[in-house]
Amino acid sequence: MHPMERLRYVARADGTPQRILVSETADALLDVVDDHAGLVTACRQMVQRQPTSGALVWLAAHLLASDEPTGIVWDLVADFDRDPTERELAHAFDDGARVVTIGWPETITPAFGRRGDVSVTVLEGPVVARRLPQLDVDPVEAPLSGTAAALVDADVVVCEALAAGPDAFLAPAGTVPVLAAAERSGVAVWVVVPFGRALPEPLWRGLVRRLPEPPVFADQEVVDGSLVSAAVGPSGRSSLAETIDAGGCPPAPELQ
């Protein structure tokens, strides 16, 4: 298969977890990584066709900023695969915490299994609700209309960012009303920003500009960072801005 055709195939892989998407993209980019002009074109194509993936922007930014991208491709994938965010989140929960989450979080879900002592209510997340019993977690599944009831006894609401900037992040549709309700109820709200999804301001703004307009763009929404009380990333719990700074992603003008 021609390198660019392979990239187009990967780019069309809707619904693929970001960890797999990064690995498959890195493998496909090996065919063009020594040609800077070709690499720029390929990276722009990837982030345009997968506009909600912060991890792809992170991968492309590191490759474009490197003098020897060939030598760092698999190091980047290995760093991504070693993401400690799941472990940090599990440690952040209080004993016996009552947690509400929303959607289909890739990193939050296994963190529940690490603890075993938290109770979980999943809003609009049937896939997660089906997976949690496999991790010895017995969740309560509820529609968004059940948000108020879910928050009555909740200790913390946890959502997962598909991508994040210093003052906002991308999350599943329906996150904004859930977080706003939590704020009104006095429930703590955390956003989980896994490794590779923390983007500096210029790249975050570039990602937002590439997002399709509603109603096509109906599965995700941009969430104001003021709705969260903390962020949890590879370095543990801190503010959203501190988590983005710790991400260390180069600004890569080609992707802005």
C-alpha atoms as a PDB file:
ATOM      1  CA  MET A   1       0.000   0.000   0.000  1.00  0.00           C
ATOM      2  CA  HIS A   2       1.331   3.465  -0.886  1.00  0.00           C
ATOM      3  CA  PRO A   3       2.423   5.419   2.249  1.00  0.00           C
ATOM      4  CA  MET A   4      -0.084   8.224   1.742  1.00  0.00           C
ATOM      5  CA  GLU A   5      -2.903   5.751   1.072  1.00  0.00           C
ATOM      6  CA  ARG A   6      -2.029   3.947   4.302  1.00  0.00           C
ATOM      7  CA  LEU A   7      -2.172   7.248   6.170  1.00  0.00           C
ATOM      8  CA  ARG A   8      -5.566   7.991   4.663  1.00  0.00           C
ATOM      9  CA  TYR A   9      -6.758   4.566   5.830  1.00  0.00           C
ATOM     10  CA  VAL A  10      -5.567   5.245   9.396  1.00  0.00           C
ATOM     11  CA  ALA A  11      -7.077   8.727   9.289  1.00  0.00           C
ATOM     12  CA  ARG A  12     -10.510   7.290   8.515  1.00  0.00           C
ATOM     13  CA  ALA A  13     -10.448   4.988  11.570  1.00  0.00           C
ATOM     14  CA  ASP A  14     -13.307   6.598  13.482  1.00  0.00           C
ATOM     15  CA  GLY A  15     -13.777   5.591  17.099  1.00  0.00           C
ATOM     16  CA  THR A  16     -10.294   4.115  17.491  1.00  0.00           C
ATOM     17  CA  PRO A  17      -8.807   4.588  21.000  1.00  0.00           C
ATOM     18  CA  GLN A  18      -6.134   7.282  20.998  1.00  0.00           C
ATOM     19  CA  ARG A  19      -3.412   4.907  22.180  1.00  0.00           C
ATOM     20  CA  ILE A  20      -3.966   2.634  19.176  1.00  0.00           C
ATOM     21  CA  LEU A  21      -4.325   5.614  16.844  1.00  0.00           C
ATOM     22  CA  VAL A  22      -0.927   6.963  17.931  1.00  0.00           C
ATOM     23  CA  SER A  23       0.790   3.613  17.399  1.00  0.00           C
ATOM     24  CA  GLU A  24      -0.784   3.021  13.966  1.00  0.00           C
ATOM     25  CA  THR A  25      -0.045   6.573  12.832  1.00  0.00           C
ATOM     26  CA  ALA A  26       3.564   6.404  13.982  1.00  0.00           C
ATOM     27  CA  ASP A  27       4.037   3.194  12.009  1.00  0.00           C
ATOM     28  CA  ALA A  28       2.494   4.747   8.900  1.00  0.00           C
ATOM     29  CA  LEU A  29       4.560   7.935   9.206  1.00  0.00           C
ATOM     30  CA  LEU A  30       7.831   5.978   9.089  1.00  0.00           C
ATOM     31  CA  ASP A  31       7.491   5.950   5.303  1.00  0.00           C
ATOM     32  CA  VAL A  32       7.622   9.761   5.080  1.00  0.00           C
ATOM     33  CA  VAL A  33       9.426  10.804   8.252  1.00  0.00           C
ATOM     34  CA  ASP A  34      12.749  11.504   6.478  1.00  0.00           C
ATOM     35  CA  ASP A  35      11.109  13.913   4.011  1.00  0.00           C
ATOM     36  CA  HIS A  36      10.214  17.054   5.983  1.00  0.00           C
ATOM     37  CA  ALA A  37       7.841  18.420   3.351  1.00  0.00           C
ATOM     38  CA  GLY A  38       6.104  15.050   3.100  1.00  0.00           C
ATOM     39  CA  LEU A  39       5.982  14.772   6.886  1.00  0.00           C
ATOM     40  CA  VAL A  40       4.338  18.192   7.180  1.00  0.00           C
ATOM     41  CA  THR A  41       1.712  17.219   4.605  1.00  0.00           C
ATOM     42  CA  ALA A  42       1.053  13.863   6.262  1.00  0.00           C
ATOM     43  CA  CYS A  43       0.763  15.352   9.755  1.00  0.00           C
ATOM     44  CA  ARG A  44      -1.612  18.058   8.592  1.00  0.00           C
ATOM     45  CA  GLN A  45      -3.715  15.428   6.849  1.00  0.00           C
ATOM     46  CA  MET A  46      -3.884  13.301   9.982  1.00  0.00           C
ATOM     47  CA  VAL A  47      -4.919  16.059  12.377  1.00  0.00           C
ATOM     48  CA  GLN A  48      -7.472  17.345   9.870  1.00  0.00           C
ATOM     49  CA  ARG A  49      -9.122  13.951   9.504  1.00  0.00           C
ATOM     50  CA  GLN A  50      -8.964  13.115  13.220  1.00  0.00           C
ATOM     51  CA  PRO A  51      -9.771  16.590  14.608  1.00  0.00           C
ATOM     52  CA  THR A  52     -10.727  15.419  18.109  1.00  0.00           C
ATOM     53  CA  SER A  53      -7.478  13.582  18.891  1.00  0.00           C
ATOM     54  CA  GLY A  54      -5.143  15.603  21.060  1.00  0.00           C
ATOM     55  CA  ALA A  55      -2.713  12.679  21.041  1.00  0.00           C
ATOM     56  CA  LEU A  56      -2.235  12.873  17.255  1.00  0.00           C
ATOM     57  CA  VAL A  57      -1.461  16.584  17.492  1.00  0.00           C
ATOM     58  CA  TRP A  58       1.055  15.789  20.242  1.00  0.00           C
ATOM     59  CA  LEU A  59       2.722  13.081  18.123  1.00  0.00           C
ATOM     60  CA  ALA A  60       2.854  15.262  15.017  1.00  0.00           C
ATOM     61  CA  ALA A  61       4.197  18.254  16.958  1.00  0.00           C
ATOM     62  CA  HIS A  62       7.089  16.262  18.403  1.00  0.00           C
ATOM     63  CA  LEU A  63       8.014  14.789  15.018  1.00  0.00           C
ATOM     64  CA  LEU A  64       7.882  18.158  13.266  1.00  0.00           C
ATOM     65  CA  ALA A  65       9.964  19.827  15.976  1.00  0.00           C
ATOM     66  CA  SER A  66      12.698  17.167  15.910  1.00  0.00           C
ATOM     67  CA  ASP A  67      15.899  17.362  13.860  1.00  0.00           C
ATOM     68  CA  GLU A  68      15.885  13.548  13.644  1.00  0.00           C
ATOM     69  CA  PRO A  69      12.260  12.400  13.731  1.00  0.00           C
ATOM     70  CA  THR A  70      13.121   8.866  12.583  1.00  0.00           C
ATOM     71  CA  GLY A  71      15.073   8.279  15.769  1.00  0.00           C
ATOM     72  CA  ILE A  72      12.285   9.327  18.121  1.00  0.00           C
ATOM     73  CA  VAL A  73       9.162   7.776  16.567  1.00  0.00           C
ATOM     74  CA  TRP A  74       9.060   4.639  18.708  1.00  0.00           C
ATOM     75  CA  ASP A  75      10.374   6.454  21.778  1.00  0.00           C
ATOM     76  CA  LEU A  76       7.294   8.679  21.544  1.00  0.00           C
ATOM     77  CA  VAL A  77       4.993   5.676  21.222  1.00  0.00           C
ATOM     78  CA  ALA A  78       6.703   4.012  24.203  1.00  0.00           C
ATOM     79  CA  ASP A  79       6.285   7.176  26.293  1.00  0.00           C
ATOM     80  CA  PHE A  80       2.615   7.261  25.347  1.00  0.00           C
ATOM     81  CA  ASP A  81       2.126   3.603  26.294  1.00  0.00           C
ATOM     82  CA  ARG A  82       3.768   4.183  29.707  1.00  0.00           C
ATOM     83  CA  ASP A  83       1.245   6.884  30.620  1.00  0.00           C
ATOM     84  CA  PRO A  84       0.934   6.889  34.448  1.00  0.00           C
ATOM     85  CA  THR A  85      -2.304   8.921  34.487  1.00  0.00           C
ATOM     86  CA  GLU A  86      -4.482   5.894  35.216  1.00  0.00           C
ATOM     87  CA  ARG A  87      -2.393   5.118  38.301  1.00  0.00           C
ATOM     88  CA  GLU A  88      -2.324   8.758  39.435  1.00  0.00           C
ATOM     89  CA  LEU A  89      -6.107   8.980  39.172  1.00  0.00           C
ATOM     90  CA  ALA A  90      -6.595   5.800  41.178  1.00  0.00           C
ATOM     91  CA  HIS A  91      -4.371   7.239  43.924  1.00  0.00           C
ATOM     92  CA  ALA A  92      -6.252  10.551  43.903  1.00  0.00           C
ATOM     93  CA  PHE A  93      -9.610   9.065  44.938  1.00  0.00           C
ATOM     94  CA  ASP A  94     -10.462   9.057  48.632  1.00  0.00           C
ATOM     95  CA  ASP A  95     -11.257   5.702  50.205  1.00  0.00           C
ATOM     96  CA  GLY A  96     -14.789   4.647  49.321  1.00  0.00           C
ATOM     97  CA  ALA A  97     -15.299   7.637  47.024  1.00  0.00           C
ATOM     98  CA  ARG A  98     -18.630   7.990  45.235  1.00  0.00           C
ATOM     99  CA  VAL A  99     -17.772   8.949  41.667  1.00  0.00           C
ATOM    100  CA  VAL A 100     -19.842  10.103  38.702  1.00  0.00           C
ATOM    101  CA  THR A 101     -18.387   9.936  35.204  1.00  0.00           C
ATOM    102  CA  ILE A 102     -19.729  10.570  31.720  1.00  0.00           C
ATOM    103  CA  GLY A 103     -19.316   9.043  28.288  1.00  0.00           C
ATOM    104  CA  TRP A 104     -16.669   6.500  27.272  1.00  0.00           C
ATOM    105  CA  PRO A 105     -13.395   7.407  29.070  1.00  0.00           C
ATOM    106  CA  GLU A 106     -10.376   5.319  28.043  1.00  0.00           C
ATOM    107  CA  THR A 107      -8.212   6.145  31.073  1.00  0.00           C
ATOM    108  CA  ILE A 108     -10.776   6.698  33.824  1.00  0.00           C
ATOM    109  CA  THR A 109     -12.398   3.288  33.393  1.00  0.00           C
ATOM    110  CA  PRO A 110      -9.363   1.109  34.294  1.00  0.00           C
ATOM    111  CA  ALA A 111      -8.534   3.463  37.194  1.00  0.00           C
ATOM    112  CA  PHE A 112     -11.762   2.346  38.872  1.00  0.00           C
ATOM    113  CA  GLY A 113     -10.621  -1.250  38.595  1.00  0.00           C
ATOM    114  CA  ARG A 114      -7.317  -0.399  40.287  1.00  0.00           C
ATOM    115  CA  ARG A 115      -9.162   0.810  43.373  1.00  0.00           C
ATOM    116  CA  GLY A 116     -12.073  -1.562  43.781  1.00  0.00           C
ATOM    117  CA  ASP A 117     -13.499   0.435  46.694  1.00  0.00           C
ATOM    118  CA  VAL A 118     -15.129   3.294  44.763  1.00  0.00           C
ATOM    119  CA  SER A 119     -18.781   3.362  43.770  1.00  0.00           C
ATOM    120  CA  VAL A 120     -19.400   4.534  40.209  1.00  0.00           C
ATOM    121  CA  THR A 121     -22.337   6.073  38.391  1.00  0.00           C
ATOM    122  CA  VAL A 122     -21.887   6.277  34.618  1.00  0.00           C
ATOM    123  CA  LEU A 123     -23.918   8.869  32.707  1.00  0.00           C
ATOM    124  CA  GLU A 124     -24.480   8.121  29.000  1.00  0.00           C
ATOM    125  CA  GLY A 125     -21.791   5.442  28.949  1.00  0.00           C
ATOM    126  CA  PRO A 126     -23.264   2.021  28.137  1.00  0.00           C
ATOM    127  CA  VAL A 127     -19.937   0.635  26.878  1.00  0.00           C
ATOM    128  CA  VAL A 128     -18.177   1.666  30.087  1.00  0.00           C
ATOM    129  CA  ALA A 129     -21.024   0.334  32.209  1.00  0.00           C
ATOM    130  CA  ARG A 130     -20.696  -3.057  30.498  1.00  0.00           C
ATOM    131  CA  ARG A 131     -16.902  -3.113  30.900  1.00  0.00           C
ATOM    132  CA  LEU A 132     -16.676  -2.171  34.576  1.00  0.00           C
ATOM    133  CA  PRO A 133     -18.032  -5.497  35.928  1.00  0.00           C
ATOM    134  CA  GLN A 134     -15.066  -7.158  34.188  1.00  0.00           C
ATOM    135  CA  LEU A 135     -12.876  -4.988  36.461  1.00  0.00           C
ATOM    136  CA  ASP A 136     -14.828  -6.055  39.572  1.00  0.00           C
ATOM    137  CA  VAL A 137     -16.678  -2.732  39.703  1.00  0.00           C
ATOM    138  CA  ASP A 138     -20.475  -2.786  39.862  1.00  0.00           C
ATOM    139  CA  PRO A 139     -21.608   0.517  38.287  1.00  0.00           C
ATOM    140  CA  VAL A 140     -24.933   2.302  38.189  1.00  0.00           C
ATOM    141  CA  GLU A 141     -25.832   3.352  34.635  1.00  0.00           C
ATOM    142  CA  ALA A 142     -28.012   6.437  34.180  1.00  0.00           C
ATOM    143  CA  PRO A 143     -29.118   8.760  31.358  1.00  0.00           C
ATOM    144  CA  LEU A 144     -28.247  12.454  31.399  1.00  0.00           C
ATOM    145  CA  SER A 145     -31.743  13.105  32.716  1.00  0.00           C
ATOM    146  CA  GLY A 146     -30.626  11.341  35.896  1.00  0.00           C
ATOM    147  CA  THR A 147     -27.774  13.772  36.561  1.00  0.00           C
ATOM    148  CA  ALA A 148     -29.415  15.497  39.525  1.00  0.00           C
ATOM    149  CA  ALA A 149     -30.119  12.192  41.285  1.00  0.00           C
ATOM    150  CA  ALA A 150     -26.582  10.957  40.575  1.00  0.00           C
ATOM    151  CA  LEU A 151     -25.077  14.064  42.160  1.00  0.00           C
ATOM    152  CA  VAL A 152     -27.018  13.849  45.430  1.00  0.00           C
ATOM    153  CA  ASP A 153     -24.497  11.510  47.094  1.00  0.00           C
ATOM    154  CA  ALA A 154     -21.510  12.095  44.801  1.00  0.00           C
ATOM    155  CA  ASP A 155     -18.081  13.075  46.114  1.00  0.00           C
ATOM    156  CA  VAL A 156     -16.537  13.914  42.747  1.00  0.00           C
ATOM    157  CA  VAL A 157     -17.439  14.099  39.055  1.00  0.00           C
ATOM    158  CA  VAL A 158     -14.650  12.913  36.759  1.00  0.00           C
ATOM    159  CA  CYS A 159     -14.575  13.559  33.022  1.00  0.00           C
ATOM    160  CA  GLU A 160     -11.877  12.767  30.463  1.00  0.00           C
ATOM    161  CA  ALA A 161     -10.396  15.197  27.963  1.00  0.00           C
ATOM    162  CA  LEU A 162      -9.875  14.071  24.379  1.00  0.00           C
ATOM    163  CA  ALA A 163      -7.589  17.093  24.097  1.00  0.00           C
ATOM    164  CA  ALA A 164      -6.931  20.022  26.413  1.00  0.00           C
ATOM    165  CA  GLY A 165      -5.541  23.532  26.405  1.00  0.00           C
ATOM    166  CA  PRO A 166      -4.664  25.912  29.238  1.00  0.00           C
ATOM    167  CA  ASP A 167      -8.241  27.106  29.783  1.00  0.00           C
ATOM    168  CA  ALA A 168     -10.558  24.579  28.075  1.00  0.00           C
ATOM    169  CA  PHE A 169     -10.789  20.978  26.936  1.00  0.00           C
ATOM    170  CA  LEU A 170     -12.667  18.696  24.546  1.00  0.00           C
ATOM    171  CA  ALA A 171     -15.015  16.115  26.096  1.00  0.00           C
ATOM    172  CA  PRO A 172     -18.074  14.005  25.221  1.00  0.00           C
ATOM    173  CA  ALA A 173     -21.259  15.903  24.425  1.00  0.00           C
ATOM    174  CA  GLY A 174     -23.341  16.446  27.542  1.00  0.00           C
ATOM    175  CA  THR A 175     -20.323  17.130  29.748  1.00  0.00           C
ATOM    176  CA  VAL A 176     -21.056  20.851  30.123  1.00  0.00           C
ATOM    177  CA  PRO A 177     -24.513  20.491  31.737  1.00  0.00           C
ATOM    178  CA  VAL A 178     -23.247  17.717  34.033  1.00  0.00           C
ATOM    179  CA  LEU A 179     -20.309  19.820  35.240  1.00  0.00           C
ATOM    180  CA  ALA A 180     -22.481  22.908  35.624  1.00  0.00           C
ATOM    181  CA  ALA A 181     -24.932  20.901  37.745  1.00  0.00           C
ATOM    182  CA  ALA A 182     -22.064  19.563  39.839  1.00  0.00           C
ATOM    183  CA  GLU A 183     -20.757  23.077  40.421  1.00  0.00           C
ATOM    184  CA  ARG A 184     -24.190  24.239  41.586  1.00  0.00           C
ATOM    185  CA  SER A 185     -24.415  21.223  43.893  1.00  0.00           C
ATOM    186  CA  GLY A 186     -21.001  21.836  45.414  1.00  0.00           C
ATOM    187  CA  VAL A 187     -19.543  18.580  44.053  1.00  0.00           C
ATOM    188  CA  ALA A 188     -15.852  18.565  43.116  1.00  0.00           C
ATOM    189  CA  VAL A 189     -15.111  18.220  39.394  1.00  0.00           C
ATOM    190  CA  TRP A 190     -11.901  16.767  37.963  1.00  0.00           C
ATOM    191  CA  VAL A 191     -10.841  16.572  34.343  1.00  0.00           C
ATOM    192  CA  VAL A 192      -8.461  13.759  33.465  1.00  0.00           C
ATOM    193  CA  VAL A 193      -5.846  14.734  30.855  1.00  0.00           C
ATOM    194  CA  PRO A 194      -3.925  11.586  29.845  1.00  0.00           C
ATOM    195  CA  PHE A 195      -0.382  11.736  28.522  1.00  0.00           C
ATOM    196  CA  GLY A 196      -0.159  13.353  25.083  1.00  0.00           C
ATOM    197  CA  ARG A 197      -3.478  15.191  25.229  1.00  0.00           C
ATOM    198  CA  ALA A 198      -2.157  18.374  26.908  1.00  0.00           C
ATOM    199  CA  LEU A 199      -1.561  20.971  24.193  1.00  0.00           C
ATOM    200  CA  PRO A 200       0.004  24.432  24.418  1.00  0.00           C
ATOM    201  CA  GLU A 201      -2.237  27.383  23.596  1.00  0.00           C
ATOM    202  CA  PRO A 202      -1.348  27.687  19.852  1.00  0.00           C
ATOM    203  CA  LEU A 203      -1.929  23.984  19.143  1.00  0.00           C
ATOM    204  CA  TRP A 204      -5.116  23.903  21.226  1.00  0.00           C
ATOM    205  CA  ARG A 205      -6.531  26.853  19.269  1.00  0.00           C
ATOM    206  CA  GLY A 206      -5.543  25.142  16.028  1.00  0.00           C
ATOM    207  CA  LEU A 207      -7.390  21.986  17.077  1.00  0.00           C
ATOM    208  CA  VAL A 208     -10.516  23.974  17.966  1.00  0.00           C
ATOM    209  CA  ARG A 209     -10.462  25.716  14.576  1.00  0.00           C
ATOM    210  CA  ARG A 210     -10.372  22.345  12.814  1.00  0.00           C
ATOM    211  CA  LEU A 211     -13.444  20.999  14.605  1.00  0.00           C
ATOM    212  CA  PRO A 212     -16.509  20.571  12.385  1.00  0.00           C
ATOM    213  CA  GLU A 213     -19.454  22.820  13.094  1.00  0.00           C
ATOM    214  CA  PRO A 214     -22.612  21.433  14.737  1.00  0.00           C
ATOM    215  CA  PRO A 215     -24.727  19.448  14.053  1.00  0.00           C
ATOM    216  CA  VAL A 216     -22.043  17.247  12.434  1.00  0.00           C
ATOM    217  CA  PHE A 217     -19.839  17.747  15.465  1.00  0.00           C
ATOM    218  CA  ALA A 218     -22.375  16.342  17.907  1.00  0.00           C
ATOM    219  CA  ASP A 219     -20.458  13.730  19.908  1.00  0.00           C
ATOM    220  CA  GLN A 220     -17.989  16.118  21.603  1.00  0.00           C
ATOM    221  CA  GLU A 221     -18.011  19.655  22.952  1.00  0.00           C
ATOM    222  CA  VAL A 222     -15.513  22.269  24.129  1.00  0.00           C
ATOM    223  CA  VAL A 223     -15.725  22.704  27.904  1.00  0.00           C
ATOM    224  CA  ASP A 224     -14.595  25.839  29.725  1.00  0.00           C
ATOM    225  CA  GLY A 225     -11.868  25.072  32.228  1.00  0.00           C
ATOM    226  CA  SER A 226     -13.598  27.188  34.872  1.00  0.00           C
ATOM    227  CA  LEU A 227     -16.072  24.314  35.361  1.00  0.00           C
ATOM    228  CA  VAL A 228     -13.409  22.047  36.883  1.00  0.00           C
ATOM    229  CA  SER A 229     -11.750  22.311  40.272  1.00  0.00           C
ATOM    230  CA  ALA A 230      -8.693  20.211  39.373  1.00  0.00           C
ATOM    231  CA  ALA A 231      -6.992  18.279  36.598  1.00  0.00           C
ATOM    232  CA  VAL A 232      -5.382  14.852  36.872  1.00  0.00           C
ATOM    233  CA  GLY A 233      -2.550  14.037  34.488  1.00  0.00           C
ATOM    234  CA  PRO A 234       0.701  12.050  34.363  1.00  0.00           C
ATOM    235  CA  SER A 235       2.123  14.118  37.236  1.00  0.00           C
ATOM    236  CA  GLY A 236      -0.914  13.759  39.471  1.00  0.00           C
ATOM    237  CA  ARG A 237      -3.563  16.243  40.502  1.00  0.00           C
ATOM    238  CA  SER A 238      -3.050  19.974  39.917  1.00  0.00           C
ATOM    239  CA  SER A 239      -4.698  22.814  38.019  1.00  0.00           C
ATOM    240  CA  LEU A 240      -5.559  22.523  34.332  1.00  0.00           C
ATOM    241  CA  ALA A 241      -2.986  25.176  33.379  1.00  0.00           C
ATOM    242  CA  GLU A 242      -0.253  23.402  35.365  1.00  0.00           C
ATOM    243  CA  THR A 243      -1.138  20.094  33.729  1.00  0.00           C
ATOM    244  CA  ILE A 244      -0.824  21.665  30.281  1.00  0.00           C
ATOM    245  CA  ASP A 245       2.556  23.222  31.157  1.00  0.00           C
ATOM    246  CA  ALA A 246       3.808  19.861  32.413  1.00  0.00           C
ATOM    247  CA  GLY A 247       2.813  18.239  29.108  1.00  0.00           C
ATOM    248  CA  GLY A 248       5.874  19.651  27.385  1.00  0.00           C
ATOM    249  CA  CYS A 249       4.417  19.596  23.878  1.00  0.00           C
ATOM    250  CA  PRO A 250       6.323  21.783  21.369  1.00  0.00           C
ATOM    251  CA  PRO A 251       4.200  24.486  19.641  1.00  0.00           C
ATOM    252  CA  ALA A 252       4.900  23.218  16.047  1.00  0.00           C
ATOM    253  CA  PRO A 253       3.884  26.230  13.892  1.00  0.00           C
ATOM    254  CA  GLU A 254       2.958  23.881  11.023  1.00  0.00           C
ATOM    255  CA  LEU A 255      -0.072  22.668  13.024  1.00  0.00           C
ATOM    256  CA  GLN A 256      -1.341  25.990  14.364  1.00  0.00           C
END
